[in-house]
Amino acid sequence: MHIVPRYPNTPRKYWSPMELNEWAEAPKGIGNEITEVCLRIKEYLEVTPYD
């Protein structure tokens, strides 16, 4: 499974992880921002039941 967080209003053309690399103006997280997103995803997956 791959999880690709996107900023609000990311153009649909760049929703693919491979296409995202082509988006020169893409906002990119750094350092603690990336860690925070990873922790939020981890917490969500730990508390969300799988059916």
PDB file of N, CA and C in Angstrom:
ATOM      1  N   MET A   1       0.846  -1.154   0.000  1.00  0.00           N
ATOM      2  CA  MET A   1       0.000   0.000   0.000  1.00  0.00           C
ATOM      3  C   MET A   1       0.903   1.233   0.000  1.00  0.00           C
ATOM      4  N   HIS A   2       0.509   2.225  -0.771  1.00  0.00           N
ATOM      5  CA  HIS A   2       1.199   3.512  -0.791  1.00  0.00           C
ATOM      6  C   HIS A   2       0.211   4.580  -0.359  1.00  0.00           C
ATOM      7  N   ILE A   3       0.660   5.459   0.487  1.00  0.00           N
ATOM      8  CA  ILE A   3      -0.161   6.591   0.900  1.00  0.00           C
ATOM      9  C   ILE A   3       0.565   7.843   0.458  1.00  0.00           C
ATOM     10  N   VAL A   4      -0.110   8.643  -0.342  1.00  0.00           N
ATOM     11  CA  VAL A   4       0.501   9.859  -0.858  1.00  0.00           C
ATOM     12  C   VAL A   4      -0.324  11.056  -0.374  1.00  0.00           C
ATOM     13  N   PRO A   5       0.136  11.730   0.679  1.00  0.00           N
ATOM     14  CA  PRO A   5      -0.600  12.912   1.130  1.00  0.00           C
ATOM     15  C   PRO A   5      -0.529  14.012   0.072  1.00  0.00           C
ATOM     16  N   ARG A   6      -1.628  14.742  -0.061  1.00  0.00           N
ATOM     17  CA  ARG A   6      -1.652  15.844  -1.019  1.00  0.00           C
ATOM     18  C   ARG A   6      -2.094  17.116  -0.317  1.00  0.00           C
ATOM     19  N   TYR A   7      -1.539  18.201  -0.781  1.00  0.00           N
ATOM     20  CA  TYR A   7      -1.996  19.499  -0.313  1.00  0.00           C
ATOM     21  C   TYR A   7      -3.365  19.791  -0.900  1.00  0.00           C
ATOM     22  N   PRO A   8      -4.187  20.582  -0.210  1.00  0.00           N
ATOM     23  CA  PRO A   8      -5.459  20.987  -0.803  1.00  0.00           C
ATOM     24  C   PRO A   8      -5.198  21.662  -2.154  1.00  0.00           C
ATOM     25  N   ASN A   9      -6.083  21.421  -3.089  1.00  0.00           N
ATOM     26  CA  ASN A   9      -6.022  22.015  -4.433  1.00  0.00           C
ATOM     27  C   ASN A   9      -4.869  21.497  -5.292  1.00  0.00           C
ATOM     28  N   THR A  10      -4.321  20.339  -4.954  1.00  0.00           N
ATOM     29  CA  THR A  10      -3.318  19.735  -5.831  1.00  0.00           C
ATOM     30  C   THR A  10      -4.005  19.396  -7.151  1.00  0.00           C
ATOM     31  N   PRO A  11      -3.458  19.861  -8.278  1.00  0.00           N
ATOM     32  CA  PRO A  11      -4.074  19.537  -9.566  1.00  0.00           C
ATOM     33  C   PRO A  11      -4.145  18.020  -9.763  1.00  0.00           C
ATOM     34  N   ARG A  12      -5.274  17.537 -10.240  1.00  0.00           N
ATOM     35  CA  ARG A  12      -5.482  16.098 -10.413  1.00  0.00           C
ATOM     36  C   ARG A  12      -4.379  15.451 -11.262  1.00  0.00           C
ATOM     37  N   LYS A  13      -3.829  16.206 -12.179  1.00  0.00           N
ATOM     38  CA  LYS A  13      -2.742  15.699 -13.032  1.00  0.00           C
ATOM     39  C   LYS A  13      -1.574  15.171 -12.200  1.00  0.00           C
ATOM     40  N   TYR A  14      -1.393  15.697 -10.990  1.00  0.00           N
ATOM     41  CA  TYR A  14      -0.246  15.343 -10.164  1.00  0.00           C
ATOM     42  C   TYR A  14      -0.601  14.448  -8.976  1.00  0.00           C
ATOM     43  N   TRP A  15      -1.734  13.776  -9.020  1.00  0.00           N
ATOM     44  CA  TRP A  15      -2.129  12.902  -7.921  1.00  0.00           C
ATOM     45  C   TRP A  15      -1.281  11.644  -7.847  1.00  0.00           C
ATOM     46  N   SER A  16      -0.709  11.213  -8.933  1.00  0.00           N
ATOM     47  CA  SER A  16       0.140  10.019  -8.934  1.00  0.00           C
ATOM     48  C   SER A  16       1.502  10.357  -8.326  1.00  0.00           C
ATOM     49  N   PRO A  17       2.065   9.447  -7.518  1.00  0.00           N
ATOM     50  CA  PRO A  17       3.394   9.717  -6.955  1.00  0.00           C
ATOM     51  C   PRO A  17       4.448   9.989  -8.030  1.00  0.00           C
ATOM     52  N   MET A  18       4.331   9.316  -9.170  1.00  0.00           N
ATOM     53  CA  MET A  18       5.318   9.521 -10.226  1.00  0.00           C
ATOM     54  C   MET A  18       5.124  10.881 -10.892  1.00  0.00           C
ATOM     55  N   GLU A  19       3.875  11.273 -11.101  1.00  0.00           N
ATOM     56  CA  GLU A  19       3.596  12.569 -11.721  1.00  0.00           C
ATOM     57  C   GLU A  19       3.941  13.724 -10.800  1.00  0.00           C
ATOM     58  N   LEU A  20       3.804  13.497  -9.514  1.00  0.00           N
ATOM     59  CA  LEU A  20       4.098  14.556  -8.549  1.00  0.00           C
ATOM     60  C   LEU A  20       5.528  15.066  -8.711  1.00  0.00           C
ATOM     61  N   ASN A  21       6.438  14.181  -9.068  1.00  0.00           N
ATOM     62  CA  ASN A  21       7.829  14.585  -9.285  1.00  0.00           C
ATOM     63  C   ASN A  21       7.974  15.565 -10.447  1.00  0.00           C
ATOM     64  N   GLU A  22       6.987  15.570 -11.348  1.00  0.00           N
ATOM     65  CA  GLU A  22       7.033  16.474 -12.500  1.00  0.00           C
ATOM     66  C   GLU A  22       6.495  17.870 -12.181  1.00  0.00           C
ATOM     67  N   TRP A  23       5.870  18.034 -11.024  1.00  0.00           N
ATOM     68  CA  TRP A  23       5.260  19.309 -10.641  1.00  0.00           C
ATOM     69  C   TRP A  23       6.320  20.179  -9.966  1.00  0.00           C
ATOM     70  N   ALA A  24       6.934  21.044 -10.725  1.00  0.00           N
ATOM     71  CA  ALA A  24       8.047  21.865 -10.234  1.00  0.00           C
ATOM     72  C   ALA A  24       7.630  22.787  -9.088  1.00  0.00           C
ATOM     73  N   GLU A  25       6.386  23.269  -9.099  1.00  0.00           N
ATOM     74  CA  GLU A  25       5.932  24.210  -8.067  1.00  0.00           C
ATOM     75  C   GLU A  25       5.279  23.511  -6.873  1.00  0.00           C
ATOM     76  N   ALA A  26       5.363  22.190  -6.811  1.00  0.00           N
ATOM     77  CA  ALA A  26       4.704  21.451  -5.735  1.00  0.00           C
ATOM     78  C   ALA A  26       5.243  21.882  -4.376  1.00  0.00           C
ATOM     79  N   PRO A  27       4.335  22.197  -3.444  1.00  0.00           N
ATOM     80  CA  PRO A  27       4.803  22.479  -2.089  1.00  0.00           C
ATOM     81  C   PRO A  27       5.309  21.172  -1.483  1.00  0.00           C
ATOM     82  N   LYS A  28       6.410  21.226  -0.796  1.00  0.00           N
ATOM     83  CA  LYS A  28       6.981  20.019  -0.202  1.00  0.00           C
ATOM     84  C   LYS A  28       7.300  20.277   1.256  1.00  0.00           C
ATOM     85  N   GLY A  29       6.919  19.312   2.080  1.00  0.00           N
ATOM     86  CA  GLY A  29       7.209  19.414   3.503  1.00  0.00           C
ATOM     87  C   GLY A  29       8.682  19.187   3.768  1.00  0.00           C
ATOM     88  N   ILE A  30       9.124  19.679   4.895  1.00  0.00           N
ATOM     89  CA  ILE A  30      10.518  19.472   5.302  1.00  0.00           C
ATOM     90  C   ILE A  30      10.557  19.096   6.778  1.00  0.00           C
ATOM     91  N   GLY A  31      11.549  18.330   7.144  1.00  0.00           N
ATOM     92  CA  GLY A  31      11.818  17.994   8.535  1.00  0.00           C
ATOM     93  C   GLY A  31      10.608  17.611   9.359  1.00  0.00           C
ATOM     94  N   ASN A  32      10.288  18.460  10.341  1.00  0.00           N
ATOM     95  CA  ASN A  32       9.210  18.166  11.277  1.00  0.00           C
ATOM     96  C   ASN A  32       7.850  18.086  10.604  1.00  0.00           C
ATOM     97  N   GLU A  33       7.651  18.784   9.498  1.00  0.00           N
ATOM     98  CA  GLU A  33       6.369  18.710   8.786  1.00  0.00           C
ATOM     99  C   GLU A  33       6.118  17.287   8.287  1.00  0.00           C
ATOM    100  N   ILE A  34       7.146  16.658   7.751  1.00  0.00           N
ATOM    101  CA  ILE A  34       7.017  15.294   7.246  1.00  0.00           C
ATOM    102  C   ILE A  34       6.765  14.331   8.405  1.00  0.00           C
ATOM    103  N   THR A  35       7.495  14.512   9.482  1.00  0.00           N
ATOM    104  CA  THR A  35       7.318  13.670  10.664  1.00  0.00           C
ATOM    105  C   THR A  35       5.899  13.788  11.192  1.00  0.00           C
ATOM    106  N   GLU A  36       5.367  14.993  11.253  1.00  0.00           N
ATOM    107  CA  GLU A  36       4.009  15.222  11.754  1.00  0.00           C
ATOM    108  C   GLU A  36       2.973  14.498  10.886  1.00  0.00           C
ATOM    109  N   VAL A  37       3.099  14.583   9.581  1.00  0.00           N
ATOM    110  CA  VAL A  37       2.154  13.896   8.692  1.00  0.00           C
ATOM    111  C   VAL A  37       2.245  12.386   8.900  1.00  0.00           C
ATOM    112  N   CYS A  38       3.440  11.859   9.002  1.00  0.00           N
ATOM    113  CA  CYS A  38       3.613  10.419   9.203  1.00  0.00           C
ATOM    114  C   CYS A  38       2.980   9.970  10.521  1.00  0.00           C
ATOM    115  N   LEU A  39       3.154  10.741  11.565  1.00  0.00           N
ATOM    116  CA  LEU A  39       2.564  10.400  12.863  1.00  0.00           C
ATOM    117  C   LEU A  39       1.036  10.455  12.811  1.00  0.00           C
ATOM    118  N   ARG A  40       0.492  11.454  12.116  1.00  0.00           N
ATOM    119  CA  ARG A  40      -0.968  11.552  11.995  1.00  0.00           C
ATOM    120  C   ARG A  40      -1.539  10.355  11.236  1.00  0.00           C
ATOM    121  N   ILE A  41      -0.869   9.939  10.186  1.00  0.00           N
ATOM    122  CA  ILE A  41      -1.324   8.775   9.414  1.00  0.00           C
ATOM    123  C   ILE A  41      -1.229   7.520  10.270  1.00  0.00           C
ATOM    124  N   LYS A  42      -0.121   7.350  10.958  1.00  0.00           N
ATOM    125  CA  LYS A  42       0.085   6.184  11.830  1.00  0.00           C
ATOM    126  C   LYS A  42      -1.001   6.105  12.892  1.00  0.00           C
ATOM    127  N   GLU A  43      -1.271   7.202  13.556  1.00  0.00           N
ATOM    128  CA  GLU A  43      -2.302   7.221  14.597  1.00  0.00           C
ATOM    129  C   GLU A  43      -3.673   6.873  14.017  1.00  0.00           C
ATOM    130  N   TYR A  44      -3.989   7.407  12.866  1.00  0.00           N
ATOM    131  CA  TYR A  44      -5.268   7.137  12.220  1.00  0.00           C
ATOM    132  C   TYR A  44      -5.399   5.643  11.919  1.00  0.00           C
ATOM    133  N   LEU A  45      -4.349   5.056  11.363  1.00  0.00           N
ATOM    134  CA  LEU A  45      -4.404   3.644  11.000  1.00  0.00           C
ATOM    135  C   LEU A  45      -4.479   2.735  12.227  1.00  0.00           C
ATOM    136  N   GLU A  46      -3.905   3.166  13.326  1.00  0.00           N
ATOM    137  CA  GLU A  46      -3.931   2.357  14.550  1.00  0.00           C
ATOM    138  C   GLU A  46      -5.306   2.345  15.217  1.00  0.00           C
ATOM    139  N   VAL A  47      -6.077   3.415  15.075  1.00  0.00           N
ATOM    140  CA  VAL A  47      -7.364   3.491  15.760  1.00  0.00           C
ATOM    141  C   VAL A  47      -8.553   3.213  14.847  1.00  0.00           C
ATOM    142  N   THR A  48      -8.331   3.109  13.555  1.00  0.00           N
ATOM    143  CA  THR A  48      -9.414   2.866  12.604  1.00  0.00           C
ATOM    144  C   THR A  48      -9.582   1.368  12.407  1.00  0.00           C
ATOM    145  N   PRO A  49     -10.790   0.851  12.721  1.00  0.00           N
ATOM    146  CA  PRO A  49     -10.999  -0.601  12.543  1.00  0.00           C
ATOM    147  C   PRO A  49     -11.022  -0.980  11.060  1.00  0.00           C
ATOM    148  N   TYR A  50     -10.507  -2.134  10.772  1.00  0.00           N
ATOM    149  CA  TYR A  50     -10.522  -2.656   9.401  1.00  0.00           C
ATOM    150  C   TYR A  50     -11.649  -3.657   9.283  1.00  0.00           C
ATOM    151  N   ASP A  51     -12.448  -3.539   8.291  1.00  0.00           N
ATOM    152  CA  ASP A  51     -13.552  -4.477   8.081  1.00  0.00           C
ATOM    153  C   ASP A  51     -13.291  -5.346   6.864  1.00  0.00           C
TER     154      ASP A  51
END
